[in-house]
Protein backbone atom coordinates (compact mmCIF):
# COMPACT_ATOMS: atom_id res chain seq x y z
CA MET A 1 -20.72 -7.86 21.93
CA VAL A 2 -17.34 -7.57 20.24
CA ALA A 3 -17.42 -7.06 16.71
CA HIS A 4 -17.10 -9.98 14.16
CA LEU A 5 -13.62 -9.23 12.20
CA HIS A 6 -13.66 -10.48 8.94
CA ASN A 7 -11.67 -10.58 5.87
CA THR A 8 -8.70 -11.59 7.97
CA ILE A 9 -5.47 -12.13 6.05
CA ALA A 10 -1.90 -12.16 6.48
CA THR A 11 -0.01 -8.83 6.64
CA ARG A 12 2.71 -8.02 4.16
CA CYS A 13 4.65 -4.93 5.88
CA SER A 14 6.51 -4.12 2.62
CA ARG A 15 3.18 -3.22 1.17
CA CYS A 16 1.83 -1.06 3.74
CA VAL A 17 1.24 2.54 3.27
CA LEU A 18 1.67 3.37 6.81
CA ARG A 19 4.81 1.19 7.11
CA HIS A 20 7.13 4.37 8.08
CA LYS A 21 4.64 6.13 10.25
CA ALA A 22 3.34 3.25 12.47
CA ILE A 23 5.25 1.82 15.49
CA CYS A 24 6.80 -1.01 13.37
CA ALA A 25 8.84 1.89 11.85
CA ALA A 26 11.31 1.27 14.55
CA LEU A 27 12.09 -2.08 13.02
CA SER A 28 14.45 -3.12 10.52
CA GLU A 29 13.78 -5.19 7.45
CA THR A 30 14.94 -8.37 9.03
CA GLU A 31 12.91 -7.49 12.29
CA LEU A 32 9.88 -6.92 10.12
CA ASN A 33 9.96 -10.53 8.92
CA ASP A 34 9.19 -11.65 12.54
CA PHE A 35 6.22 -8.92 12.68
CA ASN A 36 4.92 -10.56 9.46
CA LYS A 37 4.64 -13.99 11.07
CA ILE A 38 2.29 -12.54 13.80
CA ALA A 39 0.50 -9.69 12.10
CA ARG A 40 -3.16 -10.09 10.47
CA GLN A 41 -5.33 -7.49 8.55
CA ARG A 42 -8.92 -7.26 9.48
CA THR A 43 -11.72 -4.99 8.51
CA ILE A 44 -14.34 -3.95 10.66
CA THR A 45 -17.71 -2.20 9.61
CA ALA A 46 -18.74 1.01 10.81
CA GLY A 47 -20.66 1.05 14.10
CA GLN A 48 -19.23 -2.26 15.39
CA VAL A 49 -17.65 -2.63 18.76
CA ILE A 50 -13.98 -3.65 18.53
CA TYR A 51 -13.53 -4.64 21.93
CA GLY A 52 -15.18 -4.10 25.38
CA ASP A 53 -13.88 -3.40 28.89
CA ASP A 54 -13.52 -7.25 29.57
CA ASP A 55 -11.37 -7.67 26.42
CA VAL A 56 -8.24 -6.48 24.81
CA MET A 57 -6.93 -6.14 21.25
CA LEU A 58 -3.57 -4.88 19.98
CA ALA A 59 -3.36 -3.14 16.49
CA ASN A 60 -2.11 -0.56 14.23
CA ILE A 61 -4.78 1.45 12.62
CA LEU A 62 -4.40 1.25 8.95
CA MET A 63 -7.65 3.16 7.59
CA GLY A 64 -10.52 4.74 9.15
CA VAL A 65 -11.46 6.30 12.64
CA ILE A 66 -12.18 4.40 16.10
CA LYS A 67 -13.95 6.35 18.86
CA LEU A 68 -13.23 5.38 22.54
CA THR A 69 -15.90 5.39 24.94
CA LYS A 70 -16.53 5.19 28.69
CA THR A 71 -19.81 3.72 30.02
CA LEU A 72 -20.81 5.36 33.45
CA SER A 73 -22.50 3.48 36.14
CA ASP A 74 -26.17 4.51 35.06
CA GLY A 75 -25.57 3.54 31.46
CA ARG A 76 -24.79 6.82 30.12
CA GLN A 77 -21.55 6.88 27.55
CA GLN A 78 -18.98 9.42 26.96
CA ILE A 79 -16.79 9.53 23.97
CA VAL A 80 -13.21 9.94 25.62
CA GLY A 81 -11.10 9.99 22.49
CA LEU A 82 -10.57 9.24 18.62
CA GLN A 83 -7.98 7.20 17.00
CA PHE A 84 -6.74 7.86 13.56
CA PRO A 85 -4.14 5.94 11.18
CA PRO A 86 -1.40 5.04 12.09
CA ASP A 87 -2.31 5.10 15.76
CA PHE A 88 -1.45 2.18 18.06
CA LEU A 89 -4.95 0.55 19.54
CA GLY A 90 -4.94 -1.38 22.81
CA ARG A 91 -2.93 -1.69 26.04
CA ILE A 92 -0.19 -3.92 26.63
CA TYR A 93 0.61 -5.93 29.79
CA THR A 94 -3.27 -6.00 30.71
CA LYS A 95 -6.02 -8.17 30.17
CA THR A 96 -8.93 -5.55 30.26
CA ALA A 97 -9.32 -2.30 28.96
CA PRO A 98 -10.73 0.80 30.38
CA TYR A 99 -13.28 1.87 27.69
CA PHE A 100 -14.95 0.37 24.50
CA ALA A 101 -13.29 0.92 21.19
CA GLU A 102 -15.84 1.24 18.30
CA ALA A 103 -15.58 1.79 14.74
CA ALA A 104 -16.52 5.13 13.72
CA THR A 105 -16.25 4.44 10.05
CA ASP A 106 -15.11 1.22 8.31
CA VAL A 107 -11.73 0.34 9.68
CA GLU A 108 -8.88 -1.58 8.50
CA LEU A 109 -6.54 -2.80 11.35
CA CYS A 110 -3.22 -4.70 11.45
CA THR A 111 -3.67 -6.69 14.67
CA PHE A 112 -1.08 -8.55 16.69
CA PRO A 113 -1.82 -11.46 19.25
CA LYS A 114 -0.96 -10.00 22.74
CA ALA A 115 1.49 -12.71 23.72
CA GLY A 116 3.39 -12.47 20.61
CA PHE A 117 3.30 -8.60 20.43
CA GLU A 118 4.81 -8.56 24.04
CA ALA A 119 7.46 -11.16 23.02
CA MET A 120 8.42 -8.82 20.25
CA LEU A 121 8.87 -5.88 22.75
CA ARG A 122 11.29 -7.88 25.06
CA ARG A 123 13.13 -8.86 21.63
CA TYR A 124 13.19 -5.52 19.97
CA PRO A 125 13.84 -2.66 22.33
CA GLY A 126 13.70 -0.13 19.42
CA LEU A 127 9.97 -1.16 19.12
CA GLU A 128 9.48 -0.75 23.03
CA HIS A 129 10.85 2.78 22.75
CA ARG A 130 8.66 3.63 19.68
CA LEU A 131 5.56 2.36 21.69
CA PHE A 132 6.71 4.57 24.66
CA GLU A 133 6.87 7.70 22.63
CA ASN A 134 3.46 6.98 21.14
CA THR A 135 1.97 6.66 24.67
CA LEU A 136 3.69 10.17 25.75
CA ASP A 137 2.11 11.73 22.66
CA GLU A 138 -1.15 10.42 23.50
CA LEU A 139 -0.60 11.77 27.23
CA ASP A 140 0.16 15.37 25.71
CA SER A 141 -2.78 14.93 23.49
CA ALA A 142 -5.12 14.14 26.50
CA ARG A 143 -3.86 17.33 28.31
CA GLU A 144 -4.52 19.40 25.32
CA TRP A 145 -8.05 18.13 25.37
CA MET A 146 -8.45 18.96 28.83
CA LEU A 147 -7.37 22.38 28.18
CA LEU A 148 -9.99 22.52 25.24
CA LEU A 149 -12.92 21.50 27.50
CA GLY A 150 -11.93 23.39 30.41
CA ARG A 151 -11.17 26.83 28.70
CA LYS A 152 -12.18 27.13 25.05
CA THR A 153 -15.27 28.70 23.92
CA ALA A 154 -17.75 26.60 22.05
CA GLN A 155 -16.53 28.05 18.64
CA GLU A 156 -12.86 27.49 19.38
CA LYS A 157 -13.77 23.68 20.47
CA VAL A 158 -15.59 23.03 17.26
CA ALA A 159 -12.67 24.78 15.10
CA THR A 160 -10.16 22.62 17.07
CA LEU A 161 -11.98 19.35 16.30
CA LEU A 162 -12.25 20.15 12.76
CA LEU A 163 -8.57 20.99 12.61
CA MET A 164 -7.81 17.74 14.06
CA ILE A 165 -9.65 15.90 11.68
CA ALA A 166 -8.34 17.97 8.73
CA SER A 167 -4.83 17.65 9.85
CA ARG A 168 -5.22 13.59 9.88
CA ALA A 169 -7.55 13.52 6.85
CA SER A 170 -5.05 11.90 4.50
CA ASN A 171 -4.39 9.16 6.80
CA VAL A 172 -8.18 8.69 7.48
CA GLY A 173 -8.74 7.96 3.71
CA CYS A 174 -10.29 11.23 2.78
CA SER A 175 -9.15 13.73 0.11
CA HIS A 176 -6.48 15.96 1.62
CA ILE A 177 -4.79 18.87 -0.45
CA HIS A 178 -1.61 20.41 0.81
CA SER A 179 1.22 22.32 -0.66
CA PRO A 180 3.82 25.02 0.22
CA GLU A 181 1.33 27.63 -1.61
CA ILE A 182 -2.03 26.52 -0.32
CA SER A 183 -3.12 24.51 2.66
CA SER A 184 -6.81 23.07 2.39
CA ALA A 185 -8.65 19.98 3.06
CA ARG A 186 -11.70 18.06 1.98
CA PHE A 187 -13.04 15.29 4.49
CA SER A 188 -16.18 13.40 5.76
CA LEU A 189 -16.81 13.74 9.49
CA PRO A 190 -15.97 10.23 11.02
CA LEU A 191 -18.77 11.08 13.72
CA THR A 192 -22.42 12.17 13.72
CA ARG A 193 -23.08 15.79 15.06
CA ALA A 194 -24.47 14.14 18.04
CA ASP A 195 -21.39 12.34 18.70
CA LEU A 196 -19.39 15.53 17.99
CA ALA A 197 -21.46 17.27 20.67
CA ASP A 198 -20.97 14.25 22.94
CA TYR A 199 -17.00 14.32 22.49
CA LEU A 200 -17.05 18.30 23.02
CA GLY A 201 -19.02 18.70 25.99
CA LEU A 202 -21.57 20.60 23.84
CA THR A 203 -25.25 20.31 23.03
CA LEU A 204 -26.01 19.38 19.45
CA GLU A 205 -27.71 22.69 18.89
CA THR A 206 -24.50 24.47 19.76
CA VAL A 207 -22.62 22.30 17.69
CA SER A 208 -24.95 22.85 14.73
CA ARG A 209 -24.82 26.76 15.48
CA GLN A 210 -21.21 27.07 15.53
CA MET A 211 -20.87 24.84 12.13
CA THR A 212 -23.32 27.32 10.74
CA LYS A 213 -21.21 30.32 12.05
CA LEU A 214 -18.14 28.91 10.77
CA LYS A 215 -19.44 28.39 7.34
CA SER A 216 -20.96 32.13 7.19
CA ILE A 217 -17.45 33.67 7.77
CA GLY A 218 -15.76 31.30 5.10
CA VAL A 219 -13.90 29.32 7.44
CA ILE A 220 -15.78 26.07 6.18
CA GLU A 221 -17.73 24.80 3.33
CA LEU A 222 -20.54 22.15 3.88
CA VAL A 223 -21.04 19.90 0.96
CA ASP A 224 -23.67 17.99 2.88
CA ASN A 225 -24.27 17.07 6.44
CA ARG A 226 -21.03 15.29 6.94
CA GLU A 227 -18.71 16.38 4.05
CA ILE A 228 -16.74 19.49 4.83
CA ILE A 229 -14.06 21.58 2.86
CA VAL A 230 -11.72 23.94 4.59
CA PRO A 231 -10.55 26.17 2.02
CA ASP A 232 -7.57 27.83 3.98
CA ILE A 233 -6.39 25.79 7.08
CA SER A 234 -4.63 28.85 8.48
CA MET A 235 -8.18 30.60 8.83
CA LEU A 236 -9.26 27.55 10.83
CA GLU A 237 -6.11 27.57 12.95
CA LYS A 238 -6.86 31.03 14.14
CA ILE A 239 -10.00 30.43 15.48
CA ALA A 240 -9.12 26.99 17.20
CA ASP A 241 -6.11 28.67 18.83
CA PRO A 242 -6.49 32.66 18.87
């Protein structure tokens, strides 16, 4: 069942904190006026399905984390991707999606009607070019994830996922500390440990064991079951990519 999208309001791009990071950064101020006419901001509660395989939605993620899942013929589900701000959600030029999109946390979206957005792509080549670049970036990320699943150890897998979340924590809406002298992060995991295990192709026990090991060697601090502090990003990087 698709989530009930509530608190729908007209979007004003000039007020958007992700204005210069999302795909609409390719548009001039004049072109953004056209975008304002079709964009709508929506909020979705954690745990709600945004769309299924027989539906489609186009949106920029403004806040929160979305998990993409694929259902097998026997009913089993697999997390196949995570999306953060300012990622673009959905597929253009198609009526269906190959996966389910679910709000892993409370999410804010800037949504676009499919026909209106595709008309924008035809009207503004810069927008189409930016979307193509984003698609290539997603392809590169998918290939990196294939490397992680196929070659990395359990500890390297967990460290890589934590590093990915930490590096994007400021856009997720979590506390993120960064300066030339020190690089650290504090964030809440957007997934349960069971979901982390699913995404990494590990067991729940293995994920918990590796988190404990990372804590014991001082790479992370566990404030509680979901909140994590990374005192020194470089230490986490060395384990994620030795």
